[in-house]
Amino acid sequence: MREPDFVPVLGADELPLGRVKVVEVNGRRVALAHCEEGIFAVDDLCTHDGGPLGEGELDGCAIECPRHGAQFDVRTGQVRRFPAVKPIRTYPVKVEDGHIHVAVAEE
C-alpha cells in the first residue's frame, strides 16, 4: 500500500490557536485542531455516537464531542473521557509555505 499524499487544505492563518475547523480530504471529513503543541487532524466523527467533533470545544489538546461530552486527545486519538471507549483516527499533518497539509489515504 502506497503512502498517502499530503493535500493542502487550509491557510495556516485560517486556524487560530485554540480553534477547530472541519475540512474535506479525499472525501473524508477531517477536524483540524490547533493546540499549543501544533496542528493535528482527526476524524470529524465521535466513536461514541457519530457526533461531529469539529463542532466541539478544544481544551488544550483535548477535543470534546458536543453531544455527550466524550473527550479525545487530538495528538494521539486516545479517549480521555467517557462515554467513548474507542479512539478516533488521526492523520499526518505538516505546515508548509503557509498552508496546512493533511495526508488521508483514500478508502
PDB file of N, CA and C in Angstrom:
ATOM      1  N   MET A   1       0.843  -1.177   0.000  1.00  0.00           N
ATOM      2  CA  MET A   1       0.000   0.000   0.000  1.00  0.00           C
ATOM      3  C   MET A   1       0.891   1.244   0.000  1.00  0.00           C
ATOM      4  N   ARG A   2       0.620   2.146  -0.906  1.00  0.00           N
ATOM      5  CA  ARG A   2       1.468   3.329  -1.005  1.00  0.00           C
ATOM      6  C   ARG A   2       1.066   4.370   0.026  1.00  0.00           C
ATOM      7  N   GLU A   3       2.034   5.190   0.379  1.00  0.00           N
ATOM      8  CA  GLU A   3       1.797   6.258   1.351  1.00  0.00           C
ATOM      9  C   GLU A   3       0.821   7.276   0.770  1.00  0.00           C
ATOM     10  N   PRO A   4      -0.078   7.813   1.602  1.00  0.00           N
ATOM     11  CA  PRO A   4      -0.998   8.837   1.104  1.00  0.00           C
ATOM     12  C   PRO A   4      -0.248  10.142   0.832  1.00  0.00           C
ATOM     13  N   ASP A   5      -0.757  10.898  -0.120  1.00  0.00           N
ATOM     14  CA  ASP A   5      -0.169  12.193  -0.452  1.00  0.00           C
ATOM     15  C   ASP A   5      -0.688  13.250   0.513  1.00  0.00           C
ATOM     16  N   PHE A   6       0.168  14.222   0.817  1.00  0.00           N
ATOM     17  CA  PHE A   6      -0.261  15.368   1.605  1.00  0.00           C
ATOM     18  C   PHE A   6      -1.014  16.320   0.688  1.00  0.00           C
ATOM     19  N   VAL A   7      -2.184  16.751   1.153  1.00  0.00           N
ATOM     20  CA  VAL A   7      -3.053  17.639   0.389  1.00  0.00           C
ATOM     21  C   VAL A   7      -3.168  18.966   1.130  1.00  0.00           C
ATOM     22  N   PRO A   8      -2.946  20.104   0.444  1.00  0.00           N
ATOM     23  CA  PRO A   8      -3.150  21.388   1.118  1.00  0.00           C
ATOM     24  C   PRO A   8      -4.643  21.603   1.350  1.00  0.00           C
ATOM     25  N   VAL A   9      -5.002  21.955   2.587  1.00  0.00           N
ATOM     26  CA  VAL A   9      -6.424  22.058   2.915  1.00  0.00           C
ATOM     27  C   VAL A   9      -6.852  23.420   3.425  1.00  0.00           C
ATOM     28  N   LEU A  10      -5.892  24.206   3.938  1.00  0.00           N
ATOM     29  CA  LEU A  10      -6.274  25.451   4.595  1.00  0.00           C
ATOM     30  C   LEU A  10      -5.031  26.311   4.792  1.00  0.00           C
ATOM     31  N   GLY A  11      -5.217  27.612   4.723  1.00  0.00           N
ATOM     32  CA  GLY A  11      -4.117  28.509   5.061  1.00  0.00           C
ATOM     33  C   GLY A  11      -3.861  28.427   6.558  1.00  0.00           C
ATOM     34  N   ALA A  12      -2.601  28.386   6.950  1.00  0.00           N
ATOM     35  CA  ALA A  12      -2.261  28.262   8.372  1.00  0.00           C
ATOM     36  C   ALA A  12      -2.852  29.402   9.198  1.00  0.00           C
ATOM     37  N   ASP A  13      -2.977  30.584   8.592  1.00  0.00           N
ATOM     38  CA  ASP A  13      -3.534  31.727   9.315  1.00  0.00           C
ATOM     39  C   ASP A  13      -5.056  31.645   9.477  1.00  0.00           C
ATOM     40  N   GLU A  14      -5.692  30.653   8.870  1.00  0.00           N
ATOM     41  CA  GLU A  14      -7.145  30.474   8.971  1.00  0.00           C
ATOM     42  C   GLU A  14      -7.547  29.606  10.164  1.00  0.00           C
ATOM     43  N   LEU A  15      -6.571  29.105  10.903  1.00  0.00           N
ATOM     44  CA  LEU A  15      -6.857  28.249  12.053  1.00  0.00           C
ATOM     45  C   LEU A  15      -6.135  28.789  13.286  1.00  0.00           C
ATOM     46  N   PRO A  16      -6.784  29.717  14.014  1.00  0.00           N
ATOM     47  CA  PRO A  16      -6.142  30.306  15.193  1.00  0.00           C
ATOM     48  C   PRO A  16      -5.938  29.273  16.311  1.00  0.00           C
ATOM     49  N   LEU A  17      -4.994  29.560  17.177  1.00  0.00           N
ATOM     50  CA  LEU A  17      -4.733  28.717  18.344  1.00  0.00           C
ATOM     51  C   LEU A  17      -6.016  28.549  19.154  1.00  0.00           C
ATOM     52  N   GLY A  18      -6.289  27.303  19.567  1.00  0.00           N
ATOM     53  CA  GLY A  18      -7.460  27.002  20.384  1.00  0.00           C
ATOM     54  C   GLY A  18      -8.729  26.756  19.594  1.00  0.00           C
ATOM     55  N   ARG A  19      -8.619  26.703  18.280  1.00  0.00           N
ATOM     56  CA  ARG A  19      -9.797  26.525  17.424  1.00  0.00           C
ATOM     57  C   ARG A  19      -9.757  25.210  16.661  1.00  0.00           C
ATOM     58  N   VAL A  20     -10.942  24.828  16.166  1.00  0.00           N
ATOM     59  CA  VAL A  20     -11.107  23.627  15.357  1.00  0.00           C
ATOM     60  C   VAL A  20     -11.817  24.034  14.074  1.00  0.00           C
ATOM     61  N   LYS A  21     -11.413  23.446  12.965  1.00  0.00           N
ATOM     62  CA  LYS A  21     -12.071  23.710  11.686  1.00  0.00           C
ATOM     63  C   LYS A  21     -12.174  22.402  10.926  1.00  0.00           C
ATOM     64  N   VAL A  22     -13.319  22.174  10.297  1.00  0.00           N
ATOM     65  CA  VAL A  22     -13.537  20.940   9.535  1.00  0.00           C
ATOM     66  C   VAL A  22     -13.240  21.194   8.058  1.00  0.00           C
ATOM     67  N   VAL A  23     -12.495  20.265   7.467  1.00  0.00           N
ATOM     68  CA  VAL A  23     -12.176  20.310   6.044  1.00  0.00           C
ATOM     69  C   VAL A  23     -12.477  18.936   5.450  1.00  0.00           C
ATOM     70  N   GLU A  24     -12.513  18.876   4.131  1.00  0.00           N
ATOM     71  CA  GLU A  24     -12.696  17.585   3.472  1.00  0.00           C
ATOM     72  C   GLU A  24     -11.409  17.211   2.755  1.00  0.00           C
ATOM     73  N   VAL A  25     -10.962  15.980   2.983  1.00  0.00           N
ATOM     74  CA  VAL A  25      -9.743  15.474   2.353  1.00  0.00           C
ATOM     75  C   VAL A  25     -10.061  14.110   1.763  1.00  0.00           C
ATOM     76  N   ASN A  26      -9.922  13.983   0.452  1.00  0.00           N
ATOM     77  CA  ASN A  26     -10.196  12.707  -0.234  1.00  0.00           C
ATOM     78  C   ASN A  26     -11.561  12.136   0.154  1.00  0.00           C
ATOM     79  N   GLY A  27     -12.560  12.997   0.260  1.00  0.00           N
ATOM     80  CA  GLY A  27     -13.919  12.555   0.558  1.00  0.00           C
ATOM     81  C   GLY A  27     -14.192  12.284   2.029  1.00  0.00           C
ATOM     82  N   ARG A  28     -13.244  12.568   2.898  1.00  0.00           N
ATOM     83  CA  ARG A  28     -13.412  12.318   4.334  1.00  0.00           C
ATOM     84  C   ARG A  28     -13.432  13.643   5.082  1.00  0.00           C
ATOM     85  N   ARG A  29     -14.383  13.777   6.020  1.00  0.00           N
ATOM     86  CA  ARG A  29     -14.450  14.975   6.871  1.00  0.00           C
ATOM     87  C   ARG A  29     -13.411  14.847   7.978  1.00  0.00           C
ATOM     88  N   VAL A  30     -12.528  15.836   8.035  1.00  0.00           N
ATOM     89  CA  VAL A  30     -11.424  15.837   8.989  1.00  0.00           C
ATOM     90  C   VAL A  30     -11.497  17.116   9.815  1.00  0.00           C
ATOM     91  N   ALA A  31     -11.359  16.974  11.132  1.00  0.00           N
ATOM     92  CA  ALA A  31     -11.317  18.128  12.021  1.00  0.00           C
ATOM     93  C   ALA A  31      -9.861  18.490  12.280  1.00  0.00           C
ATOM     94  N   LEU A  32      -9.503  19.725  11.963  1.00  0.00           N
ATOM     95  CA  LEU A  32      -8.170  20.246  12.258  1.00  0.00           C
ATOM     96  C   LEU A  32      -8.244  20.974  13.584  1.00  0.00           C
ATOM     97  N   ALA A  33      -7.340  20.672  14.484  1.00  0.00           N
ATOM     98  CA  ALA A  33      -7.322  21.291  15.807  1.00  0.00           C
ATOM     99  C   ALA A  33      -5.962  21.935  16.035  1.00  0.00           C
ATOM    100  N   HIS A  34      -5.979  23.199  16.487  1.00  0.00           N
ATOM    101  CA  HIS A  34      -4.733  23.926  16.727  1.00  0.00           C
ATOM    102  C   HIS A  34      -4.570  24.141  18.229  1.00  0.00           C
ATOM    103  N   CYS A  35      -3.692  23.340  18.846  1.00  0.00           N
ATOM    104  CA  CYS A  35      -3.412  23.492  20.268  1.00  0.00           C
ATOM    105  C   CYS A  35      -1.965  23.957  20.438  1.00  0.00           C
ATOM    106  N   GLU A  36      -1.557  24.194  21.668  1.00  0.00           N
ATOM    107  CA  GLU A  36      -0.204  24.711  21.956  1.00  0.00           C
ATOM    108  C   GLU A  36       0.900  23.870  21.318  1.00  0.00           C
ATOM    109  N   GLU A  37       0.669  22.568  21.160  1.00  0.00           N
ATOM    110  CA  GLU A  37       1.707  21.675  20.638  1.00  0.00           C
ATOM    111  C   GLU A  37       1.723  21.587  19.116  1.00  0.00           C
ATOM    112  N   GLY A  38       0.778  22.233  18.454  1.00  0.00           N
ATOM    113  CA  GLY A  38       0.773  22.224  16.993  1.00  0.00           C
ATOM    114  C   GLY A  38      -0.621  22.051  16.427  1.00  0.00           C
ATOM    115  N   ILE A  39      -0.655  21.683  15.157  1.00  0.00           N
ATOM    116  CA  ILE A  39      -1.919  21.448  14.452  1.00  0.00           C
ATOM    117  C   ILE A  39      -2.047  19.956  14.211  1.00  0.00           C
ATOM    118  N   PHE A  40      -3.220  19.430  14.532  1.00  0.00           N
ATOM    119  CA  PHE A  40      -3.468  17.998  14.444  1.00  0.00           C
ATOM    120  C   PHE A  40      -4.749  17.750  13.661  1.00  0.00           C
ATOM    121  N   ALA A  41      -4.834  16.577  13.018  1.00  0.00           N
ATOM    122  CA  ALA A  41      -6.002  16.217  12.218  1.00  0.00           C
ATOM    123  C   ALA A  41      -6.582  14.905  12.727  1.00  0.00           C
ATOM    124  N   VAL A  42      -7.910  14.901  12.917  1.00  0.00           N
ATOM    125  CA  VAL A  42      -8.626  13.709  13.391  1.00  0.00           C
ATOM    126  C   VAL A  42      -9.925  13.565  12.604  1.00  0.00           C
ATOM    127  N   ASP A  43     -10.498  12.369  12.619  1.00  0.00           N
ATOM    128  CA  ASP A  43     -11.815  12.182  12.020  1.00  0.00           C
ATOM    129  C   ASP A  43     -12.816  13.115  12.688  1.00  0.00           C
ATOM    130  N   ASP A  44     -13.714  13.672  11.903  1.00  0.00           N
ATOM    131  CA  ASP A  44     -14.775  14.531  12.430  1.00  0.00           C
ATOM    132  C   ASP A  44     -15.954  13.651  12.837  1.00  0.00           C
ATOM    133  N   LEU A  45     -15.672  12.630  13.640  1.00  0.00           N
ATOM    134  CA  LEU A  45     -16.692  11.646  13.971  1.00  0.00           C
ATOM    135  C   LEU A  45     -16.397  11.025  15.333  1.00  0.00           C
ATOM    136  N   CYS A  46     -17.244  11.305  16.298  1.00  0.00           N
ATOM    137  CA  CYS A  46     -17.093  10.718  17.630  1.00  0.00           C
ATOM    138  C   CYS A  46     -17.352   9.218  17.552  1.00  0.00           C
ATOM    139  N   THR A  47     -16.499   8.437  18.173  1.00  0.00           N
ATOM    140  CA  THR A  47     -16.667   6.980  18.141  1.00  0.00           C
ATOM    141  C   THR A  47     -17.771   6.505  19.078  1.00  0.00           C
ATOM    142  N   HIS A  48     -18.304   7.385  19.917  1.00  0.00           N
ATOM    143  CA  HIS A  48     -19.385   7.002  20.813  1.00  0.00           C
ATOM    144  C   HIS A  48     -20.710   6.934  20.066  1.00  0.00           C
ATOM    145  N   ASP A  49     -21.061   8.025  19.345  1.00  0.00           N
ATOM    146  CA  ASP A  49     -22.355   8.007  18.657  1.00  0.00           C
ATOM    147  C   ASP A  49     -22.349   8.735  17.319  1.00  0.00           C
ATOM    148  N   GLY A  50     -21.165   8.977  16.769  1.00  0.00           N
ATOM    149  CA  GLY A  50     -21.083   9.607  15.460  1.00  0.00           C
ATOM    150  C   GLY A  50     -21.244  11.113  15.477  1.00  0.00           C
ATOM    151  N   GLY A  51     -21.131  11.730  16.641  1.00  0.00           N
ATOM    152  CA  GLY A  51     -21.272  13.180  16.755  1.00  0.00           C
ATOM    153  C   GLY A  51     -20.178  13.918  15.997  1.00  0.00           C
ATOM    154  N   PRO A  52     -20.442  15.178  15.625  1.00  0.00           N
ATOM    155  CA  PRO A  52     -19.476  15.983  14.863  1.00  0.00           C
ATOM    156  C   PRO A  52     -18.422  16.611  15.762  1.00  0.00           C
ATOM    157  N   LEU A  53     -17.260  16.000  15.854  1.00  0.00           N
ATOM    158  CA  LEU A  53     -16.213  16.506  16.744  1.00  0.00           C
ATOM    159  C   LEU A  53     -15.782  17.924  16.386  1.00  0.00           C
ATOM    160  N   GLY A  54     -15.844  18.276  15.115  1.00  0.00           N
ATOM    161  CA  GLY A  54     -15.451  19.610  14.687  1.00  0.00           C
ATOM    162  C   GLY A  54     -16.305  20.712  15.268  1.00  0.00           C
ATOM    163  N   GLU A  55     -17.466  20.369  15.793  1.00  0.00           N
ATOM    164  CA  GLU A  55     -18.334  21.350  16.443  1.00  0.00           C
ATOM    165  C   GLU A  55     -18.078  21.424  17.945  1.00  0.00           C
ATOM    166  N   GLY A  56     -17.142  20.595  18.412  1.00  0.00           N
ATOM    167  CA  GLY A  56     -16.838  20.550  19.838  1.00  0.00           C
ATOM    168  C   GLY A  56     -15.817  21.590  20.247  1.00  0.00           C
ATOM    169  N   GLU A  57     -15.636  21.708  21.553  1.00  0.00           N
ATOM    170  CA  GLU A  57     -14.674  22.650  22.121  1.00  0.00           C
ATOM    171  C   GLU A  57     -13.312  21.985  22.244  1.00  0.00           C
ATOM    172  N   LEU A  58     -12.269  22.796  22.066  1.00  0.00           N
ATOM    173  CA  LEU A  58     -10.907  22.332  22.254  1.00  0.00           C
ATOM    174  C   LEU A  58     -10.416  22.864  23.593  1.00  0.00           C
ATOM    175  N   ASP A  59      -9.974  21.951  24.459  1.00  0.00           N
ATOM    176  CA  ASP A  59      -9.449  22.318  25.772  1.00  0.00           C
ATOM    177  C   ASP A  59      -8.019  21.797  25.829  1.00  0.00           C
ATOM    178  N   GLY A  60      -7.059  22.683  25.628  1.00  0.00           N
ATOM    179  CA  GLY A  60      -5.678  22.230  25.485  1.00  0.00           C
ATOM    180  C   GLY A  60      -5.592  21.421  24.205  1.00  0.00           C
ATOM    181  N   CYS A  61      -5.152  20.175  24.304  1.00  0.00           N
ATOM    182  CA  CYS A  61      -5.093  19.288  23.137  1.00  0.00           C
ATOM    183  C   CYS A  61      -6.182  18.224  23.186  1.00  0.00           C
ATOM    184  N   ALA A  62      -7.265  18.516  23.910  1.00  0.00           N
ATOM    185  CA  ALA A  62      -8.390  17.579  24.001  1.00  0.00           C
ATOM    186  C   ALA A  62      -9.604  18.204  23.329  1.00  0.00           C
ATOM    187  N   ILE A  63     -10.271  17.414  22.481  1.00  0.00           N
ATOM    188  CA  ILE A  63     -11.490  17.869  21.836  1.00  0.00           C
ATOM    189  C   ILE A  63     -12.669  17.138  22.471  1.00  0.00           C
ATOM    190  N   GLU A  64     -13.732  17.899  22.719  1.00  0.00           N
ATOM    191  CA  GLU A  64     -14.914  17.338  23.381  1.00  0.00           C
ATOM    192  C   GLU A  64     -16.072  17.269  22.404  1.00  0.00           C
ATOM    193  N   CYS A  65     -16.700  16.109  22.322  1.00  0.00           N
ATOM    194  CA  CYS A  65     -17.864  15.939  21.461  1.00  0.00           C
ATOM    195  C   CYS A  65     -19.016  16.770  22.026  1.00  0.00           C
ATOM    196  N   PRO A  66     -19.696  17.549  21.183  1.00  0.00           N
ATOM    197  CA  PRO A  66     -20.783  18.393  21.672  1.00  0.00           C
ATOM    198  C   PRO A  66     -22.029  17.621  22.086  1.00  0.00           C
ATOM    199  N   ARG A  67     -22.146  16.371  21.722  1.00  0.00           N
ATOM    200  CA  ARG A  67     -23.361  15.604  22.046  1.00  0.00           C
ATOM    201  C   ARG A  67     -23.397  15.091  23.483  1.00  0.00           C
ATOM    202  N   HIS A  68     -22.394  14.293  23.864  1.00  0.00           N
ATOM    203  CA  HIS A  68     -22.430  13.653  25.176  1.00  0.00           C
ATOM    204  C   HIS A  68     -21.181  13.881  26.010  1.00  0.00           C
ATOM    205  N   GLY A  69     -20.260  14.729  25.528  1.00  0.00           N
ATOM    206  CA  GLY A  69     -19.099  15.094  26.334  1.00  0.00           C
ATOM    207  C   GLY A  69     -17.914  14.153  26.269  1.00  0.00           C
ATOM    208  N   ALA A  70     -17.946  13.162  25.368  1.00  0.00           N
ATOM    209  CA  ALA A  70     -16.761  12.311  25.214  1.00  0.00           C
ATOM    210  C   ALA A  70     -15.595  13.212  24.825  1.00  0.00           C
ATOM    211  N   GLN A  71     -14.405  12.850  25.275  1.00  0.00           N
ATOM    212  CA  GLN A  71     -13.246  13.697  25.012  1.00  0.00           C
ATOM    213  C   GLN A  71     -12.099  12.843  24.483  1.00  0.00           C
ATOM    214  N   PHE A  72     -11.370  13.409  23.496  1.00  0.00           N
ATOM    215  CA  PHE A  72     -10.275  12.707  22.839  1.00  0.00           C
ATOM    216  C   PHE A  72      -9.045  13.599  22.772  1.00  0.00           C
ATOM    217  N   ASP A  73      -7.869  12.986  22.823  1.00  0.00           N
ATOM    218  CA  ASP A  73      -6.608  13.692  22.649  1.00  0.00           C
ATOM    219  C   ASP A  73      -6.359  13.818  21.143  1.00  0.00           C
ATOM    220  N   VAL A  74      -6.282  15.042  20.624  1.00  0.00           N
ATOM    221  CA  VAL A  74      -6.110  15.223  19.177  1.00  0.00           C
ATOM    222  C   VAL A  74      -4.721  14.803  18.705  1.00  0.00           C
ATOM    223  N   ARG A  75      -3.761  14.702  19.607  1.00  0.00           N
ATOM    224  CA  ARG A  75      -2.404  14.288  19.228  1.00  0.00           C
ATOM    225  C   ARG A  75      -2.330  12.793  18.948  1.00  0.00           C
ATOM    226  N   THR A  76      -3.093  12.011  19.709  1.00  0.00           N
ATOM    227  CA  THR A  76      -2.991  10.551  19.630  1.00  0.00           C
ATOM    228  C   THR A  76      -4.294   9.860  19.238  1.00  0.00           C
ATOM    229  N   GLY A  77      -5.423  10.554  19.396  1.00  0.00           N
ATOM    230  CA  GLY A  77      -6.734   9.955  19.144  1.00  0.00           C
ATOM    231  C   GLY A  77      -7.294   9.207  20.344  1.00  0.00           C
ATOM    232  N   GLN A  78      -6.509   9.070  21.411  1.00  0.00           N
ATOM    233  CA  GLN A  78      -6.935   8.297  22.571  1.00  0.00           C
ATOM    234  C   GLN A  78      -8.093   8.962  23.319  1.00  0.00           C
ATOM    235  N   VAL A  79      -8.949   8.117  23.878  1.00  0.00           N
ATOM    236  CA  VAL A  79     -10.082   8.590  24.676  1.00  0.00           C
ATOM    237  C   VAL A  79      -9.554   9.185  25.972  1.00  0.00           C
ATOM    238  N   ARG A  80     -10.066  10.359  26.325  1.00  0.00           N
ATOM    239  CA  ARG A  80      -9.699  10.993  27.593  1.00  0.00           C
ATOM    240  C   ARG A  80     -10.876  11.035  28.558  1.00  0.00           C
ATOM    241  N   ARG A  81     -12.090  10.899  28.021  1.00  0.00           N
ATOM    242  CA  ARG A  81     -13.259  10.893  28.899  1.00  0.00           C
ATOM    243  C   ARG A  81     -14.389  10.117  28.236  1.00  0.00           C
ATOM    244  N   PHE A  82     -15.064   9.336  29.056  1.00  0.00           N
ATOM    245  CA  PHE A  82     -16.225   8.569  28.610  1.00  0.00           C
ATOM    246  C   PHE A  82     -17.371   9.512  28.276  1.00  0.00           C
ATOM    247  N   PRO A  83     -18.368   9.116  27.511  1.00  0.00           N
ATOM    248  CA  PRO A  83     -18.790   7.740  27.272  1.00  0.00           C
ATOM    249  C   PRO A  83     -18.080   7.012  26.138  1.00  0.00           C
ATOM    250  N   ALA A  84     -17.209   7.654  25.380  1.00  0.00           N
ATOM    251  CA  ALA A  84     -16.484   6.948  24.310  1.00  0.00           C
ATOM    252  C   ALA A  84     -15.473   5.986  24.933  1.00  0.00           C
ATOM    253  N   VAL A  85     -15.252   4.863  24.252  1.00  0.00           N
ATOM    254  CA  VAL A  85     -14.240   3.902  24.694  1.00  0.00           C
ATOM    255  C   VAL A  85     -13.257   3.570  23.577  1.00  0.00           C
ATOM    256  N   LYS A  86     -13.605   3.903  22.334  1.00  0.00           N
ATOM    257  CA  LYS A  86     -12.753   3.611  21.182  1.00  0.00           C
ATOM    258  C   LYS A  86     -12.090   4.908  20.710  1.00  0.00           C
ATOM    259  N   PRO A  87     -10.778   4.870  20.447  1.00  0.00           N
ATOM    260  CA  PRO A  87     -10.081   6.079  19.989  1.00  0.00           C
ATOM    261  C   PRO A  87     -10.559   6.530  18.610  1.00  0.00           C
ATOM    262  N   ILE A  88     -10.261   7.782  18.280  1.00  0.00           N
ATOM    263  CA  ILE A  88     -10.566   8.320  16.957  1.00  0.00           C
ATOM    264  C   ILE A  88      -9.327   8.199  16.076  1.00  0.00           C
ATOM    265  N   ARG A  89      -9.529   8.218  14.786  1.00  0.00           N
ATOM    266  CA  ARG A  89      -8.426   8.125  13.835  1.00  0.00           C
ATOM    267  C   ARG A  89      -7.736   9.484  13.718  1.00  0.00           C
ATOM    268  N   THR A  90      -6.420   9.450  13.651  1.00  0.00           N
ATOM    269  CA  THR A  90      -5.617  10.668  13.455  1.00  0.00           C
ATOM    270  C   THR A  90      -4.932  10.588  12.091  1.00  0.00           C
ATOM    271  N   TYR A  91      -4.523  11.750  11.585  1.00  0.00           N
ATOM    272  CA  TYR A  91      -3.885  11.817  10.277  1.00  0.00           C
ATOM    273  C   TYR A  91      -2.627  12.675  10.348  1.00  0.00           C
ATOM    274  N   PRO A  92      -1.628  12.360   9.514  1.00  0.00           N
ATOM    275  CA  PRO A  92      -0.413  13.171   9.484  1.00  0.00           C
ATOM    276  C   PRO A  92      -0.713  14.588   8.982  1.00  0.00           C
ATOM    277  N   VAL A  93      -0.038  15.558   9.597  1.00  0.00           N
ATOM    278  CA  VAL A  93      -0.196  16.971   9.232  1.00  0.00           C
ATOM    279  C   VAL A  93       1.191  17.584   9.084  1.00  0.00           C
ATOM    280  N   LYS A  94       1.308  18.485   8.119  1.00  0.00           N
ATOM    281  CA  LYS A  94       2.514  19.312   8.035  1.00  0.00           C
ATOM    282  C   LYS A  94       2.079  20.708   7.603  1.00  0.00           C
ATOM    283  N   VAL A  95       2.831  21.696   8.063  1.00  0.00           N
ATOM    284  CA  VAL A  95       2.589  23.082   7.664  1.00  0.00           C
ATOM    285  C   VAL A  95       3.764  23.496   6.802  1.00  0.00           C
ATOM    286  N   GLU A  96       3.432  23.901   5.575  1.00  0.00           N
ATOM    287  CA  GLU A  96       4.459  24.233   4.605  1.00  0.00           C
ATOM    288  C   GLU A  96       4.006  25.424   3.772  1.00  0.00           C
ATOM    289  N   ASP A  97       4.886  26.388   3.581  1.00  0.00           N
ATOM    290  CA  ASP A  97       4.590  27.561   2.758  1.00  0.00           C
ATOM    291  C   ASP A  97       3.280  28.242   3.163  1.00  0.00           C
ATOM    292  N   GLY A  98       3.011  28.282   4.478  1.00  0.00           N
ATOM    293  CA  GLY A  98       1.824  28.962   4.970  1.00  0.00           C
ATOM    294  C   GLY A  98       0.525  28.199   4.818  1.00  0.00           C
ATOM    295  N   HIS A  99       0.609  26.922   4.449  1.00  0.00           N
ATOM    296  CA  HIS A  99      -0.592  26.110   4.288  1.00  0.00           C
ATOM    297  C   HIS A  99      -0.518  24.840   5.136  1.00  0.00           C
ATOM    298  N   ILE A 100      -1.678  24.416   5.609  1.00  0.00           N
ATOM    299  CA  ILE A 100      -1.793  23.165   6.356  1.00  0.00           C
ATOM    300  C   ILE A 100      -2.050  22.057   5.340  1.00  0.00           C
ATOM    301  N   HIS A 101      -1.264  20.990   5.427  1.00  0.00           N
ATOM    302  CA  HIS A 101      -1.397  19.834   4.534  1.00  0.00           C
ATOM    303  C   HIS A 101      -1.741  18.617   5.390  1.00  0.00           C
ATOM    304  N   VAL A 102      -2.663  17.795   4.900  1.00  0.00           N
ATOM    305  CA  VAL A 102      -3.088  16.593   5.611  1.00  0.00           C
ATOM    306  C   VAL A 102      -2.977  15.404   4.659  1.00  0.00           C
ATOM    307  N   ALA A 103      -2.545  14.266   5.191  1.00  0.00           N
ATOM    308  CA  ALA A 103      -2.455  13.034   4.406  1.00  0.00           C
ATOM    309  C   ALA A 103      -3.534  12.068   4.877  1.00  0.00           C
ATOM    310  N   VAL A 104      -4.469  11.758   3.977  1.00  0.00           N
ATOM    311  CA  VAL A 104      -5.555  10.820   4.277  1.00  0.00           C
ATOM    312  C   VAL A 104      -5.589   9.809   3.147  1.00  0.00           C
ATOM    313  N   ALA A 105      -5.427   8.538   3.475  1.00  0.00           N
ATOM    314  CA  ALA A 105      -5.483   7.506   2.445  1.00  0.00           C
ATOM    315  C   ALA A 105      -6.916   7.380   1.939  1.00  0.00           C
ATOM    316  N   GLU A 106      -7.063   7.215   0.627  1.00  0.00           N
ATOM    317  CA  GLU A 106      -8.398   7.012   0.073  1.00  0.00           C
ATOM    318  C   GLU A 106      -8.866   5.626   0.443  1.00  0.00           C
ATOM    319  N   GLU A 107     -10.180   5.526   0.697  1.00  0.00           N
ATOM    320  CA  GLU A 107     -10.728   4.218   1.106  1.00  0.00           C
ATOM    321  C   GLU A 107     -11.359   3.522  -0.066  1.00  0.00           C
TER     322      GLU A 107
END
